C-alpha atoms as a PDB file:
ATOM      1  CA  MET A   1      16.791   9.900  81.979  1.00  0.00           C
ATOM      2  CA  HIS A   2      14.958   9.419  85.100  1.00  0.00           C
ATOM      3  CA  ARG A   3      15.764   8.866  88.309  1.00  0.00           C
ATOM      4  CA  ARG A   4      14.585   4.874  89.045  1.00  0.00           C
ATOM      5  CA  LEU A   5      12.630   4.441  92.422  1.00  0.00           C
ATOM      6  CA  LEU A   6      13.389   0.957  93.576  1.00  0.00           C
ATOM      7  CA  LEU A   7      11.722  -0.643  96.321  1.00  0.00           C
ATOM      8  CA  PRO A   8      13.897  -1.223  99.442  1.00  0.00           C
ATOM      9  CA  ALA A   9      14.860  -4.408 100.183  1.00  0.00           C
ATOM     10  CA  LEU A  10      13.510  -4.463 103.246  1.00  0.00           C
ATOM     11  CA  ALA A  11       9.807  -4.979 101.701  1.00  0.00           C
ATOM     12  CA  LEU A  12      10.929  -7.480  99.992  1.00  0.00           C
ATOM     13  CA  SER A  13      12.175  -9.509 103.036  1.00  0.00           C
ATOM     14  CA  LEU A  14       8.989  -9.037 104.934  1.00  0.00           C
ATOM     15  CA  ALA A  15       6.826 -10.075 102.595  1.00  0.00           C
ATOM     16  CA  ALA A  16       5.718 -14.172 104.025  1.00  0.00           C
ATOM     17  CA  CYS A  17       6.628 -12.769 107.681  1.00  0.00           C
ATOM     18  CA  GLU A  18       5.041 -10.107 110.541  1.00  0.00           C
ATOM     19  CA  VAL A  19       6.272  -6.756 110.140  1.00  0.00           C
ATOM     20  CA  SER A  20       7.191  -5.329 112.837  1.00  0.00           C
ATOM     21  CA  GLN A  21       6.194  -1.729 113.538  1.00  0.00           C
ATOM     22  CA  GLU A  22       9.714  -0.305 113.196  1.00  0.00           C
ATOM     23  CA  GLN A  23      10.244  -2.054 110.078  1.00  0.00           C
ATOM     24  CA  GLU A  24       6.821  -0.368 109.036  1.00  0.00           C
ATOM     25  CA  VAL A  25       8.201   2.898 109.587  1.00  0.00           C
ATOM     26  CA  GLN A  26      11.835   2.906 108.402  1.00  0.00           C
ATOM     27  CA  LEU A  27      10.190   1.292 105.044  1.00  0.00           C
ATOM     28  CA  GLY A  28       7.537   4.376 104.996  1.00  0.00           C
ATOM     29  CA  ARG A  29       9.928   6.808 105.435  1.00  0.00           C
ATOM     30  CA  GLN A  30      12.337   5.792 102.626  1.00  0.00           C
ATOM     31  CA  ASN A  31       9.702   5.509  99.866  1.00  0.00           C
ATOM     32  CA  ALA A  32       8.068   8.707 100.846  1.00  0.00           C
ATOM     33  CA  GLU A  33      11.869  10.667 100.407  1.00  0.00           C
ATOM     34  CA  GLN A  34      12.374   8.679  96.690  1.00  0.00           C
ATOM     35  CA  ILE A  35       8.633   9.569  96.574  1.00  0.00           C
ATOM     36  CA  ALA A  36       9.027  13.553  97.298  1.00  0.00           C
ATOM     37  CA  ALA A  37      12.202  13.362  95.106  1.00  0.00           C
ATOM     38  CA  GLN A  38      10.298  12.112  92.147  1.00  0.00           C
ATOM     39  CA  LEU A  39       7.256  14.230  92.398  1.00  0.00           C
ATOM     40  CA  PRO A  40       6.282  17.555  92.056  1.00  0.00           C
ATOM     41  CA  ILE A  41       5.707  18.679  96.347  1.00  0.00           C
ATOM     42  CA  VAL A  42       4.265  22.225  96.979  1.00  0.00           C
ATOM     43  CA  ASP A  43       7.137  23.883  98.795  1.00  0.00           C
ATOM     44  CA  ASP A  44       5.262  26.798 100.341  1.00  0.00           C
ATOM     45  CA  PRO A  45       5.810  27.325 104.525  1.00  0.00           C
ATOM     46  CA  VAL A  46       2.253  28.136 104.754  1.00  0.00           C
ATOM     47  CA  VAL A  47       1.032  25.312 103.008  1.00  0.00           C
ATOM     48  CA  GLU A  48       3.417  22.849 105.336  1.00  0.00           C
ATOM     49  CA  ARG A  49       1.872  24.405 108.454  1.00  0.00           C
ATOM     50  CA  TYR A  50      -1.679  24.117 107.480  1.00  0.00           C
ATOM     51  CA  ILE A  51      -1.987  20.603 106.725  1.00  0.00           C
ATOM     52  CA  ASN A  52       0.290  18.658 108.945  1.00  0.00           C
ATOM     53  CA  ALA A  53      -1.520  21.071 111.342  1.00  0.00           C
ATOM     54  CA  LEU A  54      -5.155  19.817 110.315  1.00  0.00           C
ATOM     55  CA  GLY A  55      -3.767  15.973 109.147  1.00  0.00           C
ATOM     56  CA  THR A  56      -1.760  15.503 113.154  1.00  0.00           C
ATOM     57  CA  ARG A  57      -5.192  16.648 114.795  1.00  0.00           C
ATOM     58  CA  ILE A  58      -6.555  13.963 112.519  1.00  0.00           C
ATOM     59  CA  ALA A  59      -4.081  11.307 113.355  1.00  0.00           C
ATOM     60  CA  ARG A  60      -3.263  11.723 116.705  1.00  0.00           C
ATOM     61  CA  PRO A  61      -5.969  10.528 119.244  1.00  0.00           C
ATOM     62  CA  ALA A  62      -6.927   7.865 116.172  1.00  0.00           C
ATOM     63  CA  ASP A  63      -2.971   6.628 116.374  1.00  0.00           C
ATOM     64  CA  THR A  64      -2.239   4.135 119.606  1.00  0.00           C
ATOM     65  CA  ARG A  65       1.345   3.407 118.080  1.00  0.00           C
ATOM     66  CA  GLY A  66       3.425   7.351 118.546  1.00  0.00           C
ATOM     67  CA  LEU A  67       3.751   7.787 115.115  1.00  0.00           C
ATOM     68  CA  GLU A  68       5.934  10.055 113.948  1.00  0.00           C
ATOM     69  CA  TRP A  69       2.757  11.480 111.282  1.00  0.00           C
ATOM     70  CA  GLN A  70       3.582  13.760 108.039  1.00  0.00           C
ATOM     71  CA  PHE A  71       2.014  15.337 105.079  1.00  0.00           C
ATOM     72  CA  ARG A  72       2.672  16.553 102.218  1.00  0.00           C
ATOM     73  CA  VAL A  73       0.771  17.700  99.035  1.00  0.00           C
ATOM     74  CA  VAL A  74       1.870  16.795  95.610  1.00  0.00           C
ATOM     75  CA  ASP A  75       1.424  19.558  92.990  1.00  0.00           C
ATOM     76  CA  SER A  76      -1.436  17.971  90.950  1.00  0.00           C
ATOM     77  CA  ARG A  77      -3.998  18.821  89.755  1.00  0.00           C
ATOM     78  CA  GLU A  78      -5.252  15.466  89.827  1.00  0.00           C
ATOM     79  CA  VAL A  79      -7.339  14.230  92.551  1.00  0.00           C
ATOM     80  CA  ASN A  80      -6.025  11.647  94.434  1.00  0.00           C
ATOM     81  CA  ALA A  81      -4.436  11.105  98.051  1.00  0.00           C
ATOM     82  CA  PHE A  82      -2.216   7.973  99.697  1.00  0.00           C
ATOM     83  CA  ALA A  83      -0.639   6.578 102.483  1.00  0.00           C
ATOM     84  CA  LEU A  84       2.596   4.517 102.708  1.00  0.00           C
ATOM     85  CA  PRO A  85       3.073   2.141 106.172  1.00  0.00           C
ATOM     86  CA  GLY A  86       3.992   4.340 109.503  1.00  0.00           C
ATOM     87  CA  GLY A  87       2.065   7.525 109.064  1.00  0.00           C
ATOM     88  CA  PHE A  88       3.015   9.304 105.405  1.00  0.00           C
ATOM     89  CA  ILE A  89       0.989  10.704 103.766  1.00  0.00           C
ATOM     90  CA  PHE A  90       0.483  12.662 100.298  1.00  0.00           C
ATOM     91  CA  VAL A  91      -2.763  14.399  99.049  1.00  0.00           C
ATOM     92  CA  ASN A  92      -3.246  15.809  95.866  1.00  0.00           C
ATOM     93  CA  ARG A  93      -3.408  20.182  94.971  1.00  0.00           C
ATOM     94  CA  GLY A  94      -6.471  18.988  93.881  1.00  0.00           C
ATOM     95  CA  LEU A  95      -8.383  17.095  95.582  1.00  0.00           C
ATOM     96  CA  ILE A  96      -7.835  20.133  98.057  1.00  0.00           C
ATOM     97  CA  GLU A  97      -9.014  22.768  95.581  1.00  0.00           C
ATOM     98  CA  ARG A  98     -11.662  20.597  95.054  1.00  0.00           C
ATOM     99  CA  ALA A  99     -13.038  20.601  98.840  1.00  0.00           C
ATOM    100  CA  GLY A 100     -16.087  22.752  99.570  1.00  0.00           C
ATOM    101  CA  ASN A 101     -15.289  22.936 103.479  1.00  0.00           C
ATOM    102  CA  LEU A 102     -12.973  21.680 106.578  1.00  0.00           C
ATOM    103  CA  SER A 103     -14.831  18.315 106.349  1.00  0.00           C
ATOM    104  CA  GLU A 104     -14.510  17.505 103.303  1.00  0.00           C
ATOM    105  CA  LEU A 105     -10.400  17.847 103.501  1.00  0.00           C
ATOM    106  CA  ALA A 106     -10.869  16.337 106.773  1.00  0.00           C
ATOM    107  CA  GLY A 107     -13.121  12.716 105.448  1.00  0.00           C
ATOM    108  CA  VAL A 108     -10.006  12.476 103.195  1.00  0.00           C
ATOM    109  CA  LEU A 109      -7.001  12.462 105.516  1.00  0.00           C
ATOM    110  CA  GLY A 110      -9.067  10.738 107.616  1.00  0.00           C
ATOM    111  CA  HIS A 111      -9.634   7.831 105.818  1.00  0.00           C
ATOM    112  CA  GLU A 112      -5.504   7.037 104.792  1.00  0.00           C
ATOM    113  CA  VAL A 113      -5.084   7.861 108.517  1.00  0.00           C
ATOM    114  CA  GLY A 114      -7.130   5.157 108.822  1.00  0.00           C
ATOM    115  CA  HIS A 115      -5.835   3.242 106.109  1.00  0.00           C
ATOM    116  CA  VAL A 116      -2.446   3.624 108.285  1.00  0.00           C
ATOM    117  CA  THR A 117      -4.024   2.909 111.635  1.00  0.00           C
ATOM    118  CA  LEU A 118      -5.337  -0.675 110.203  1.00  0.00           C
ATOM    119  CA  ARG A 119      -2.435  -1.539 108.761  1.00  0.00           C
ATOM    120  CA  HIS A 120      -3.968  -2.307 105.031  1.00  0.00           C
ATOM    121  CA  SER A 121      -0.291  -0.785 103.699  1.00  0.00           C
ATOM    122  CA  VAL A 122       1.337  -3.445 105.468  1.00  0.00           C
ATOM    123  CA  GLU A 123      -0.827  -6.535 104.904  1.00  0.00           C
ATOM    124  CA  GLN A 124      -0.690  -5.481 100.762  1.00  0.00           C
ATOM    125  CA  LEU A 125       3.169  -5.213 101.607  1.00  0.00           C
ATOM    126  CA  LYS A 126       3.258  -8.944 102.886  1.00  0.00           C
ATOM    127  CA  SER A 127       1.604  -9.675  99.572  1.00  0.00           C
ATOM    128  CA  ALA A 128       3.767  -7.487  97.357  1.00  0.00           C
ATOM    129  CA  GLN A 129       6.323 -10.358  96.196  1.00  0.00           C
ATOM    130  CA  LYS A 130       4.279 -13.311  95.550  1.00  0.00           C
ATOM    131  CA  THR A 131       2.074 -10.060  93.060  1.00  0.00           C
ATOM    132  CA  ASN A 132       5.396  -9.112  91.933  1.00  0.00           C
ATOM    133  CA  ILE A 133       3.941  -6.005  90.372  1.00  0.00           C
ATOM    134  CA  GLY A 134       6.083  -3.078  88.555  1.00  0.00           C
ATOM    135  CA  VAL A 135       4.123  -0.660  88.232  1.00  0.00           C
ATOM    136  CA  THR A 136       4.900   3.454  87.987  1.00  0.00           C
ATOM    137  CA  LEU A 137       3.468   5.787  90.939  1.00  0.00           C
ATOM    138  CA  LEU A 138       3.166   8.207  89.406  1.00  0.00           C
ATOM    139  CA  CYS A 139       1.006   7.576  87.745  1.00  0.00           C
ATOM    140  CA  THR A 140      -0.706   6.094  90.350  1.00  0.00           C
ATOM    141  CA  LEU A 141      -0.866   9.206  91.083  1.00  0.00           C
ATOM    142  CA  THR A 142      -1.629  11.352  89.169  1.00  0.00           C
ATOM    143  CA  ASN A 143      -2.846   9.569  86.471  1.00  0.00           C
ATOM    144  CA  VAL A 144      -0.319  10.586  83.862  1.00  0.00           C
ATOM    145  CA  CYS A 145       0.463   8.176  81.884  1.00  0.00           C
ATOM    146  CA  ASP A 146      -3.279   6.500  81.654  1.00  0.00           C
ATOM    147  CA  ASN A 147      -4.344  10.100  79.366  1.00  0.00           C
ATOM    148  CA  GLY A 148      -0.720   9.412  77.020  1.00  0.00           C
ATOM    149  CA  LEU A 149       0.578  12.804  78.436  1.00  0.00           C
ATOM    150  CA  ALA A 150       3.811  11.001  80.287  1.00  0.00           C
ATOM    151  CA  ARG A 151       5.696   8.530  80.484  1.00  0.00           C
ATOM    152  CA  VAL A 152       8.173   8.353  83.484  1.00  0.00           C
ATOM    153  CA  ALA A 153      10.648   5.714  84.742  1.00  0.00           C
ATOM    154  CA  ILE A 154       9.982   5.155  88.267  1.00  0.00           C
ATOM    155  CA  ASN A 155       9.333   1.491  89.085  1.00  0.00           C
ATOM    156  CA  VAL A 156       8.657   0.708  92.970  1.00  0.00           C
ATOM    157  CA  GLY A 157       8.338  -2.675  92.181  1.00  0.00           C
ATOM    158  CA  GLY A 158       4.576  -3.299  94.130  1.00  0.00           C
ATOM    159  CA  SER A 159       4.593  -0.855  96.443  1.00  0.00           C
ATOM    160  CA  ALA A 160       1.845   0.738  94.213  1.00  0.00           C
ATOM    161  CA  LEU A 161      -0.142  -1.755  96.453  1.00  0.00           C
ATOM    162  CA  PHE A 162       0.016   0.986  99.505  1.00  0.00           C
ATOM    163  CA  ALA A 163      -1.881   3.408  96.369  1.00  0.00           C
ATOM    164  CA  LYS A 164      -4.320   0.717  95.376  1.00  0.00           C
ATOM    165  CA  HIS A 165      -7.336  -0.936  98.436  1.00  0.00           C
ATOM    166  CA  SER A 166     -10.114  -2.807  97.827  1.00  0.00           C
ATOM    167  CA  ARG A 167     -13.132  -2.654  98.721  1.00  0.00           C
ATOM    168  CA  GLU A 168     -13.178  -4.125 101.834  1.00  0.00           C
ATOM    169  CA  ASP A 169     -10.427  -1.672 102.882  1.00  0.00           C
ATOM    170  CA  GLU A 170     -11.584   1.365 101.825  1.00  0.00           C
ATOM    171  CA  ARG A 171     -15.500   0.433 104.040  1.00  0.00           C
ATOM    172  CA  GLU A 172     -13.055  -0.406 107.085  1.00  0.00           C
ATOM    173  CA  ALA A 173     -11.053   2.953 106.546  1.00  0.00           C
ATOM    174  CA  ASP A 174     -14.252   4.968 105.541  1.00  0.00           C
ATOM    175  CA  ALA A 175     -16.068   3.473 108.784  1.00  0.00           C
ATOM    176  CA  GLU A 176     -12.191   4.676 110.269  1.00  0.00           C
ATOM    177  CA  ALA A 177     -13.135   8.232 108.544  1.00  0.00           C
ATOM    178  CA  VAL A 178     -16.221   9.138 110.547  1.00  0.00           C
ATOM    179  CA  ASP A 179     -14.423   8.033 114.359  1.00  0.00           C
ATOM    180  CA  ASN A 180     -11.381   9.896 113.454  1.00  0.00           C
ATOM    181  CA  VAL A 181     -12.774  13.273 112.505  1.00  0.00           C
ATOM    182  CA  VAL A 182     -15.331  13.204 115.533  1.00  0.00           C
ATOM    183  CA  ARG A 183     -12.314  12.643 117.586  1.00  0.00           C
ATOM    184  CA  ALA A 184     -10.820  15.388 115.796  1.00  0.00           C
ATOM    185  CA  GLY A 185     -13.667  18.025 116.105  1.00  0.00           C
ATOM    186  CA  ILE A 186     -14.652  18.334 113.001  1.00  0.00           C
ATOM    187  CA  SER A 187     -17.882  16.770 111.234  1.00  0.00           C
ATOM    188  CA  PRO A 188     -18.073  13.833 109.464  1.00  0.00           C
ATOM    189  CA  ALA A 189     -20.356  15.286 107.508  1.00  0.00           C
ATOM    190  CA  GLY A 190     -18.088  16.017 104.972  1.00  0.00           C
ATOM    191  CA  ILE A 191     -17.129  11.851 103.877  1.00  0.00           C
ATOM    192  CA  PRO A 192     -20.245  11.892 101.987  1.00  0.00           C
ATOM    193  CA  SER A 193     -20.559  14.656 100.567  1.00  0.00           C
ATOM    194  CA  MET A 194     -16.867  14.890  99.379  1.00  0.00           C
ATOM    195  CA  PHE A 195     -17.261  11.547  97.652  1.00  0.00           C
ATOM    196  CA  GLU A 196     -20.656  13.318  96.430  1.00  0.00           C
ATOM    197  CA  THR A 197     -18.320  15.894  94.560  1.00  0.00           C
ATOM    198  CA  LEU A 198     -16.390  13.369  93.242  1.00  0.00           C
ATOM    199  CA  MET A 199     -18.693  11.689  91.415  1.00  0.00           C
ATOM    200  CA  LYS A 200     -20.466  14.224  89.908  1.00  0.00           C
ATOM    201  CA  GLU A 201     -17.346  15.796  88.368  1.00  0.00           C
ATOM    202  CA  ARG A 202     -17.216  12.144  87.299  1.00  0.00           C
ATOM    203  CA  ARG A 203     -19.303  12.879  85.315  1.00  0.00           C
ATOM    204  CA  ALA A 204     -18.428  16.435  83.999  1.00  0.00           C
ATOM    205  CA  GLU A 205     -14.738  15.953  83.554  1.00  0.00           C
ATOM    206  CA  PRO A 206     -13.822  12.262  84.194  1.00  0.00           C
ATOM    207  CA  GLY A 207     -10.064  12.507  83.439  1.00  0.00           C
ATOM    208  CA  VAL A 208      -9.361  14.366  86.169  1.00  0.00           C
ATOM    209  CA  VAL A 209     -10.714  12.301  89.085  1.00  0.00           C
ATOM    210  CA  ASP A 210      -9.753   9.579  87.047  1.00  0.00           C
ATOM    211  CA  ALA A 211      -6.632   8.801  89.140  1.00  0.00           C
ATOM    212  CA  TRP A 212      -8.612   8.477  92.430  1.00  0.00           C
ATOM    213  CA  PHE A 213     -11.406   6.596  91.108  1.00  0.00           C
ATOM    214  CA  GLY A 214      -8.567   4.092  90.128  1.00  0.00           C
ATOM    215  CA  THR A 215      -7.110   3.473  93.524  1.00  0.00           C
ATOM    216  CA  HIS A 216      -9.963   4.293  95.150  1.00  0.00           C
ATOM    217  CA  PRO A 217     -12.525   1.835  94.146  1.00  0.00           C
ATOM    218  CA  LEU A 218     -16.148   3.984  94.735  1.00  0.00           C
ATOM    219  CA  GLU A 219     -19.931   3.075  94.282  1.00  0.00           C
ATOM    220  CA  GLU A 220     -23.529   4.770  95.842  1.00  0.00           C
ATOM    221  CA  SER A 221     -22.844   2.115  98.591  1.00  0.00           C
ATOM    222  CA  ARG A 222     -20.335   3.832 100.220  1.00  0.00           C
ATOM    223  CA  VAL A 223     -22.050   7.682  99.903  1.00  0.00           C
ATOM    224  CA  THR A 224     -24.904   5.344 101.753  1.00  0.00           C
ATOM    225  CA  GLU A 225     -23.048   3.409 103.954  1.00  0.00           C
ATOM    226  CA  THR A 226     -20.781   6.732 105.115  1.00  0.00           C
ATOM    227  CA  ARG A 227     -24.547   8.796 105.470  1.00  0.00           C
ATOM    228  CA  ARG A 228     -25.416   5.849 107.465  1.00  0.00           C
ATOM    229  CA  LEU A 229     -22.405   5.995 109.859  1.00  0.00           C
ATOM    230  CA  VAL A 230     -22.885   9.512 110.175  1.00  0.00           C
ATOM    231  CA  GLY A 231     -26.417   9.313 110.884  1.00  0.00           C
ATOM    232  CA  ALA A 232     -26.194   6.919 113.651  1.00  0.00           C
ATOM    233  CA  LEU A 233     -24.122   9.352 115.702  1.00  0.00           C
ATOM    234  CA  ASP A 234     -25.737  11.638 118.123  1.00  0.00           C
ATOM    235  CA  ALA A 235     -27.275  14.513 116.399  1.00  0.00           C
ATOM    236  CA  ALA A 236     -26.902  17.399 119.372  1.00  0.00           C
ATOM    237  CA  GLN A 237     -23.103  16.340 119.191  1.00  0.00           C
ATOM    238  CA  VAL A 238     -22.334  15.854 115.343  1.00  0.00           C
ATOM    239  CA  ALA A 239     -24.011  20.120 115.307  1.00  0.00           C
ATOM    240  CA  GLN A 240     -21.484  21.343 117.701  1.00  0.00           C
ATOM    241  CA  LEU A 241     -18.518  19.794 115.629  1.00  0.00           C
ATOM    242  CA  ALA A 242     -16.804  22.700 112.750  1.00  0.00           C
ATOM    243  CA  VAL A 243     -18.007  22.133 109.070  1.00  0.00           C
ATOM    244  CA  ASP A 244     -15.197  24.826 107.985  1.00  0.00           C
ATOM    245  CA  SER A 245     -13.585  27.132 109.158  1.00  0.00           C
ATOM    246  CA  PRO A 246     -11.572  31.286 108.804  1.00  0.00           C
ATOM    247  CA  GLU A 247      -7.902  29.123 108.703  1.00  0.00           C
ATOM    248  CA  PHE A 248      -9.095  26.398 106.197  1.00  0.00           C
ATOM    249  CA  GLN A 249     -10.375  28.784 103.659  1.00  0.00           C
ATOM    250  CA  ALA A 250      -7.262  30.932 104.076  1.00  0.00           C
ATOM    251  CA  PHE A 251      -5.040  27.222 103.483  1.00  0.00           C
ATOM    252  CA  GLN A 252      -6.868  26.839 100.284  1.00  0.00           C
ATOM    253  CA  ARG A 253      -7.227  30.453  99.286  1.00  0.00           C
ATOM    254  CA  ARG A 254      -3.128  30.136  99.783  1.00  0.00           C
ATOM    255  CA  LEU A 255      -2.841  27.101  97.873  1.00  0.00           C
ATOM    256  CA  ARG A 256      -5.079  28.642  94.688  1.00  0.00           C
ATOM    257  CA  ALA A 257      -2.784  31.759  94.618  1.00  0.00           C
ATOM    258  CA  LEU A 258       0.473  29.509  93.715  1.00  0.00           C
ATOM    259  CA  PRO A 259       1.795  29.399  90.305  1.00  0.00           C
ATOM    260  CA  PRO A 260      -0.267  26.233  88.285  1.00  0.00           C
ATOM    261  CA  PRO A 261       1.272  23.251  88.932  1.00  0.00           C
ATOM    262  CA  PRO A 262       3.516  21.855  86.636  1.00  0.00           C
ATOM    263  CA  GLU A 263       2.339  19.988  82.812  1.00  0.00           C
ATOM    264  CA  PRO A 264       3.815  16.644  82.793  1.00  0.00           C
ATOM    265  CA  ALA A 265       6.868  15.911  81.463  1.00  0.00           C
ATOM    266  CA  ALA A 266       7.096  14.511  77.738  1.00  0.00           C
ATOM    267  CA  PRO A 267       7.535  11.382  77.187  1.00  0.00           C
ATOM    268  CA  GLN A 268      11.387  10.814  76.769  1.00  0.00           C
ATOM    269  CA  PRO A 269      12.371   8.445  73.689  1.00  0.00           C
END
């Protein structure tokens, strides 16, 4: 029998009131611990060290509240990423392996950091009680349930709102991502190019990227807008920013050399 992951009572008590930073971090930490216990997390010190170093490099200049950022790699071939309140970010192995260079992965991390710094997840939390949504977070992150491969009893009673943002939230996080990666010394050109990669893959192998498109509305207009934002920057400055690095390539090779992600468990009768 699967363990149930319940949204902390704290979340429900905060649905109709202002959420303090302390409450936001407490909620994020509680859910991050429970999610990490339920999802297959890549347990490799080199991978963990790199993703946290890169994530922190992007998050710290963007963070005005002194959050304790944590980045985890989910061992799933599905393409997705997910931010909890308070600075707890999960990114799927499948997304990292599809990134063409450092700037493409950095753009995704910068986008998720933007959701946290803009407090999108907190705003969604405040409406969770009214929506009364019961969902499966593992299905949301990996899309396995939509694919009919598995059902898991991880009921988070509303926190799937953290994994699915409005088009306006996505637009705002895209703009934040551009600023976030530039402040980290990384080229923002990877943001629209990663979008294009995912859109091409949706046409070629939709099952693997369906989870991303289910939680991150993506249209051609987002590619156009992020290209416009990048084009508005000083070209000489952008030319000096990192597009790739030997460290990223070594990290990606390390990840690809690990045993393949586990197959989703068969449904329990």
